[in-house]
C-alpha atoms as a PDB file:
ATOM      1  CA  MET A   1       0.000   0.000   0.000  1.00  0.00           C
ATOM      2  CA  ALA A   2       0.988   3.583  -0.499  1.00  0.00           C
ATOM      3  CA  VAL A   3       0.322   6.622   1.649  1.00  0.00           C
ATOM      4  CA  ARG A   4       0.003  10.381   1.160  1.00  0.00           C
ATOM      5  CA  ILE A   5       0.783  12.885   3.897  1.00  0.00           C
ATOM      6  CA  ARG A   6      -1.327  16.063   3.977  1.00  0.00           C
ATOM      7  CA  SER A   7      -0.512  19.153   6.035  1.00  0.00           C
ATOM      8  CA  LEU A   8      -3.478  20.409   8.052  1.00  0.00           C
ATOM      9  CA  LEU A   9      -1.822  23.712   8.943  1.00  0.00           C
ATOM     10  CA  VAL A  10      -3.397  26.968   7.857  1.00  0.00           C
ATOM     11  CA  SER A  11      -0.153  28.947   7.767  1.00  0.00           C
ATOM     12  CA  GLY A  12       3.542  28.183   7.710  1.00  0.00           C
ATOM     13  CA  PRO A  13       5.502  25.218   6.385  1.00  0.00           C
ATOM     14  CA  LEU A  14       5.811  21.902   8.196  1.00  0.00           C
ATOM     15  CA  MET A  15       8.824  19.558   8.256  1.00  0.00           C
ATOM     16  CA  VAL A  16       7.876  15.866   8.293  1.00  0.00           C
ATOM     17  CA  PRO A  17      10.690  13.376   8.998  1.00  0.00           C
ATOM     18  CA  LEU A  18      10.405  10.047   7.171  1.00  0.00           C
ATOM     19  CA  SER A  19      11.717   6.693   8.368  1.00  0.00           C
ATOM     20  CA  ARG A  20      14.567   6.588   5.827  1.00  0.00           C
ATOM     21  CA  GLY A  21      16.150   9.708   7.358  1.00  0.00           C
ATOM     22  CA  VAL A  22      14.987  12.453   4.988  1.00  0.00           C
ATOM     23  CA  SER A  23      12.446  15.155   5.791  1.00  0.00           C
ATOM     24  CA  LEU A  24       9.668  16.573   3.647  1.00  0.00           C
ATOM     25  CA  ARG A  25       8.685  20.233   3.692  1.00  0.00           C
ATOM     26  CA  LEU A  26       4.931  20.648   3.280  1.00  0.00           C
ATOM     27  CA  SER A  27       3.210  23.939   2.573  1.00  0.00           C
ATOM     28  CA  PRO A  28      -0.117  24.602   4.311  1.00  0.00           C
ATOM     29  CA  GLY A  29      -2.793  22.286   2.900  1.00  0.00           C
ATOM     30  CA  ALA A  30      -0.317  20.559   0.568  1.00  0.00           C
ATOM     31  CA  ALA A  31      -0.030  16.792   0.164  1.00  0.00           C
ATOM     32  CA  THR A  32       2.854  14.570  -0.845  1.00  0.00           C
ATOM     33  CA  GLU A  33       2.902  12.220  -3.783  1.00  0.00           C
ATOM     34  CA  GLU A  34       2.360   8.553  -3.035  1.00  0.00           C
ATOM     35  CA  LEU A  35       5.005   7.242  -0.639  1.00  0.00           C
ATOM     36  CA  ALA A  36       5.754   3.693   0.470  1.00  0.00           C
ATOM     37  CA  ASP A  37       3.937   2.875   3.700  1.00  0.00           C
ATOM     38  CA  VAL A  38       7.247   1.891   5.361  1.00  0.00           C
ATOM     39  CA  GLU A  39       8.117   5.619   5.418  1.00  0.00           C
ATOM     40  CA  VAL A  40       5.457   6.244   8.077  1.00  0.00           C
ATOM     41  CA  ALA A  41       5.332   2.858   9.838  1.00  0.00           C
ATOM     42  CA  ASN A  42       6.751   2.862  13.404  1.00  0.00           C
ATOM     43  CA  ASN A  43       7.688   6.546  13.078  1.00  0.00           C
ATOM     44  CA  ALA A  44       7.212   8.272  16.452  1.00  0.00           C
ATOM     45  CA  LYS A  45       7.464  11.797  14.989  1.00  0.00           C
ATOM     46  CA  ILE A  46       4.700  11.115  12.452  1.00  0.00           C
ATOM     47  CA  ASP A  47       2.532   9.630  15.221  1.00  0.00           C
ATOM     48  CA  GLU A  48       3.120  12.780  17.286  1.00  0.00           C
ATOM     49  CA  LEU A  49       2.235  15.082  14.361  1.00  0.00           C
ATOM     50  CA  ARG A  50      -0.984  13.107  13.801  1.00  0.00           C
ATOM     51  CA  GLU A  51      -1.928  13.351  17.500  1.00  0.00           C
ATOM     52  CA  LEU A  52      -1.381  17.110  17.358  1.00  0.00           C
ATOM     53  CA  ARG A  53      -3.588  17.175  14.231  1.00  0.00           C
ATOM     54  CA  LEU A  54      -0.896  18.802  12.136  1.00  0.00           C
ATOM     55  CA  ILE A  55      -0.913  16.108   9.448  1.00  0.00           C
ATOM     56  CA  ASP A  56      -3.293  13.515   8.071  1.00  0.00           C
ATOM     57  CA  LEU A  57      -2.377  10.214   6.432  1.00  0.00           C
ATOM     58  CA  GLU A  58      -4.333   9.015   3.411  1.00  0.00           C
ATOM     59  CA  TRP A  59      -3.884   5.351   2.521  1.00  0.00           C
ATOM     60  CA  VAL A  60      -3.947   4.722  -1.235  1.00  0.00           C
ATOM     61  CA  ALA A  61      -4.579   1.286  -2.726  1.00  0.00           C
ATOM     62  CA  GLU A  62      -2.139   0.461  -5.491  1.00  0.00           C
ATOM     63  CA  GLU A  63      -3.672  -0.654  -8.785  1.00  0.00           C
ATOM     64  CA  SER A  64      -2.657  -3.992 -10.212  1.00  0.00           C
ATOM     65  CA  PRO A  65      -1.753  -4.083 -13.932  1.00  0.00           C
ATOM     66  CA  GLU A  66      -5.043  -5.894 -14.693  1.00  0.00           C
ATOM     67  CA  GLN A  67      -7.090  -3.107 -13.046  1.00  0.00           C
ATOM     68  CA  ALA A  68      -5.188  -0.203 -14.549  1.00  0.00           C
ATOM     69  CA  PRO A  69      -7.242   1.711 -17.123  1.00  0.00           C
ATOM     70  CA  ASP A  70      -6.184   1.469 -20.738  1.00  0.00           C
ATOM     71  CA  PRO A  71      -4.270   4.543 -21.873  1.00  0.00           C
ATOM     72  CA  VAL A  72      -6.221   6.694 -24.302  1.00  0.00           C
ATOM     73  CA  PRO A  73      -4.251   7.226 -27.500  1.00  0.00           C
ATOM     74  CA  GLU A  74      -3.776  10.847 -28.361  1.00  0.00           C
ATOM     75  CA  GLU A  75      -4.895  12.038 -31.760  1.00  0.00           C
ATOM     76  CA  PRO A  76      -2.206  13.712 -33.832  1.00  0.00           C
ATOM     77  CA  PRO A  77      -2.586  17.485 -34.029  1.00  0.00           C
ATOM     78  CA  GLU A  78      -4.113  18.843 -37.209  1.00  0.00           C
ATOM     79  CA  PRO A  79      -1.637  20.588 -39.499  1.00  0.00           C
ATOM     80  CA  ALA A  80      -1.844  24.351 -39.435  1.00  0.00           C
ATOM     81  CA  GLN A  81      -3.224  25.915 -42.562  1.00  0.00           C
ATOM     82  CA  GLN A  82      -0.653  28.159 -44.143  1.00  0.00           C
ATOM     83  CA  ARG A  83      -1.568  31.078 -46.350  1.00  0.00           C
ATOM     84  CA  SER A  84       0.493  32.473 -49.159  1.00  0.00           C
ATOM     85  CA  ALA A  85       1.518  36.122 -49.036  1.00  0.00           C
ATOM     86  CA  GLY A  86      -1.137  37.230 -51.565  1.00  0.00           C
ATOM     87  CA  GLU A  87      -3.989  35.167 -50.115  1.00  0.00           C
ATOM     88  CA  GLU A  88      -6.547  36.858 -47.855  1.00  0.00           C
ATOM     89  CA  ALA A  89      -7.570  35.462 -44.439  1.00  0.00           C
ATOM     90  CA  SER A  90     -11.215  35.133 -45.432  1.00  0.00           C
ATOM     91  CA  PRO A  91     -12.727  35.970 -48.825  1.00  0.00           C
ATOM     92  CA  ALA A  92     -16.021  37.023 -47.189  1.00  0.00           C
ATOM     93  CA  ALA A  93     -14.409  39.557 -44.855  1.00  0.00           C
ATOM     94  CA  PRO A  94     -11.490  41.376 -46.472  1.00  0.00           C
ATOM     95  CA  THR A  95      -9.276  43.137 -43.977  1.00  0.00           C
ATOM     96  CA  ARG A  96      -7.680  46.542 -44.287  1.00  0.00           C
ATOM     97  CA  SER A  97      -4.937  48.106 -42.277  1.00  0.00           C
ATOM     98  CA  ALA A  98      -5.759  50.936 -39.899  1.00  0.00           C
ATOM     99  CA  LYS A  99      -3.568  53.279 -41.917  1.00  0.00           C
ATOM    100  CA  GLY A 100      -5.503  52.481 -45.114  1.00  0.00           C
ATOM    101  CA  GLN A 101      -8.827  53.048 -43.344  1.00  0.00           C
ATOM    102  CA  ARG A 102      -7.710  56.466 -42.044  1.00  0.00           C
ATOM    103  CA  ALA A 103      -6.560  57.555 -45.494  1.00  0.00           C
ATOM    104  CA  GLU A 104      -9.889  56.458 -46.973  1.00  0.00           C
ATOM    105  CA  THR A 105     -11.820  58.365 -44.288  1.00  0.00           C
ATOM    106  CA  ARG A 106      -9.801  61.542 -44.862  1.00  0.00           C
ATOM    107  CA  ALA A 107     -10.407  61.321 -48.624  1.00  0.00           C
ATOM    108  CA  ARG A 108     -14.172  61.096 -48.072  1.00  0.00           C
ATOM    109  CA  GLN A 109     -14.156  64.071 -45.683  1.00  0.00           C
ATOM    110  CA  ARG A 110     -12.531  66.343 -48.281  1.00  0.00           C
END
């Protein structure tokens, strides 16, 4: 079985010593990735942190290869449509530059 450790603190980081001699730094409300259950077994410091309600342990059942969901194959991305330099973006809605529009407006005002 695997286990996750979650910090129940509202503010400030928390150092959690594991059985193998390393410590984890948990931010408030953060949880670890799945760890081996031997990391928390017979660990007096983890028992103390649980009694003080500073951490919570969540036991995670490991999936066997038969129960694992089949991976969903990803579809290849569609190729981007490239336009030539003379081709317009859309034949129904021709675009004009702002400079061309201003020149056209000034010509009509005269």
